C-alpha atoms as a PDB file:
ATOM      1  CA  MET A   1       0.144   0.119  -0.041  1.00  0.00           C
ATOM      2  CA  PRO A   2       1.645   3.693  -0.875  1.00  0.00           C
ATOM      3  CA  ILE A   3       0.063   5.340   2.308  1.00  0.00           C
ATOM      4  CA  ARG A   4       2.568   3.366   4.595  1.00  0.00           C
ATOM      5  CA  ALA A   5       5.804   3.299   1.990  1.00  0.00           C
ATOM      6  CA  VAL A   6       5.029   7.273   2.230  1.00  0.00           C
ATOM      7  CA  ALA A   7       4.590   7.847   5.684  1.00  0.00           C
ATOM      8  CA  LEU A   8       7.314   5.590   6.545  1.00  0.00           C
ATOM      9  CA  HIS A   9       9.502   8.204   4.206  1.00  0.00           C
ATOM     10  CA  SER A  10       8.208  11.238   5.357  1.00  0.00           C
ATOM     11  CA  GLY A  11       8.459  11.364   9.295  1.00  0.00           C
ATOM     12  CA  ILE A  12       7.869   9.133  12.543  1.00  0.00           C
ATOM     13  CA  TYR A  13       4.394   7.891  13.109  1.00  0.00           C
ATOM     14  CA  GLN A  14       2.501   5.613  15.462  1.00  0.00           C
ATOM     15  CA  PRO A  15       1.133   2.571  14.494  1.00  0.00           C
ATOM     16  CA  SER A  16      -2.223   4.596  15.457  1.00  0.00           C
ATOM     17  CA  ASP A  17      -1.439   7.540  12.893  1.00  0.00           C
ATOM     18  CA  LEU A  18      -0.873   4.674  10.564  1.00  0.00           C
ATOM     19  CA  ASP A  19      -4.057   3.166  10.938  1.00  0.00           C
ATOM     20  CA  VAL A  20      -6.044   6.764  10.221  1.00  0.00           C
ATOM     21  CA  LEU A  21      -4.001   7.536   7.273  1.00  0.00           C
ATOM     22  CA  GLN A  22      -4.855   4.127   5.419  1.00  0.00           C
ATOM     23  CA  ARG A  23      -8.366   4.172   6.471  1.00  0.00           C
ATOM     24  CA  ALA A  24      -8.456   7.586   5.218  1.00  0.00           C
ATOM     25  CA  PHE A  25      -6.997   6.348   2.076  1.00  0.00           C
ATOM     26  CA  ASP A  26      -8.893   3.526   1.310  1.00  0.00           C
ATOM     27  CA  ARG A  27     -11.922   5.985   1.903  1.00  0.00           C
ATOM     28  CA  ILE A  28     -10.570   8.464  -0.768  1.00  0.00           C
ATOM     29  CA  VAL A  29      -9.418   5.991  -3.134  1.00  0.00           C
ATOM     30  CA  VAL A  30     -11.252   4.685  -6.111  1.00  0.00           C
ATOM     31  CA  PRO A  31     -10.275   2.041  -8.490  1.00  0.00           C
ATOM     32  CA  GLU A  32     -10.324   4.627 -11.464  1.00  0.00           C
ATOM     33  CA  HIS A  33      -6.995   6.062 -10.100  1.00  0.00           C
ATOM     34  CA  THR A  34      -4.042   5.055 -11.591  1.00  0.00           C
ATOM     35  CA  PRO A  35      -0.682   4.331  -9.242  1.00  0.00           C
ATOM     36  CA  VAL A  36       0.675   8.195  -9.816  1.00  0.00           C
ATOM     37  CA  GLN A  37      -2.554   9.451  -8.473  1.00  0.00           C
ATOM     38  CA  ARG A  38      -2.625   7.220  -5.637  1.00  0.00           C
ATOM     39  CA  GLU A  39       0.783   8.170  -5.065  1.00  0.00           C
ATOM     40  CA  SER A  40      -0.060  11.733  -5.197  1.00  0.00           C
ATOM     41  CA  ILE A  41      -3.233  11.315  -3.136  1.00  0.00           C
ATOM     42  CA  ALA A  42      -0.984   9.497  -0.265  1.00  0.00           C
ATOM     43  CA  THR A  43       1.570  12.466  -0.332  1.00  0.00           C
ATOM     44  CA  ARG A  44      -1.085  14.935  -0.101  1.00  0.00           C
ATOM     45  CA  LEU A  45      -2.855  13.356   2.932  1.00  0.00           C
ATOM     46  CA  ILE A  46       0.226  12.729   4.663  1.00  0.00           C
ATOM     47  CA  ALA A  47       1.037  16.663   4.318  1.00  0.00           C
ATOM     48  CA  VAL A  48      -2.302  17.471   5.607  1.00  0.00           C
ATOM     49  CA  PHE A  49      -1.897  15.234   8.418  1.00  0.00           C
ATOM     50  CA  SER A  50       1.161  16.378   9.169  1.00  0.00           C
ATOM     51  CA  SER A  51      -0.139  20.081   9.409  1.00  0.00           C
ATOM     52  CA  GLY A  52      -2.506  19.074  12.226  1.00  0.00           C
ATOM     53  CA  VAL A  53      -5.671  17.590  10.843  1.00  0.00           C
ATOM     54  CA  THR A  54      -5.565  14.258  12.486  1.00  0.00           C
ATOM     55  CA  ASP A  55      -9.123  12.922  12.123  1.00  0.00           C
ATOM     56  CA  GLU A  56     -10.151  10.686   9.924  1.00  0.00           C
ATOM     57  CA  ALA A  57     -13.220  12.104   8.784  1.00  0.00           C
ATOM     58  CA  GLU A  58     -12.175  15.836   8.328  1.00  0.00           C
ATOM     59  CA  LEU A  59      -9.179  14.431   6.262  1.00  0.00           C
ATOM     60  CA  VAL A  60     -11.545  12.163   4.084  1.00  0.00           C
ATOM     61  CA  ALA A  61     -13.387  15.782   3.637  1.00  0.00           C
ATOM     62  CA  ARG A  62     -10.682  17.550   2.791  1.00  0.00           C
ATOM     63  CA  PHE A  63      -9.815  15.603  -0.402  1.00  0.00           C
ATOM     64  CA  ARG A  64     -13.545  15.433  -1.409  1.00  0.00           C
ATOM     65  CA  ASN A  65     -14.302  19.364  -1.906  1.00  0.00           C
END
């Protein structure tokens, strides 16, 4: 899963952080997304998470607007 690989390269996260990121990623990504798009989403998702948005629902909402 790209989210975990990107997260590991982005900094130190707790297992619970990775779980939130993975669940949010799974809710955001659709089958039509290409691998490049998935990687981009993962990178942006981690950036938003790192900026202080750690609520799963809020993370997903930021990508649906």
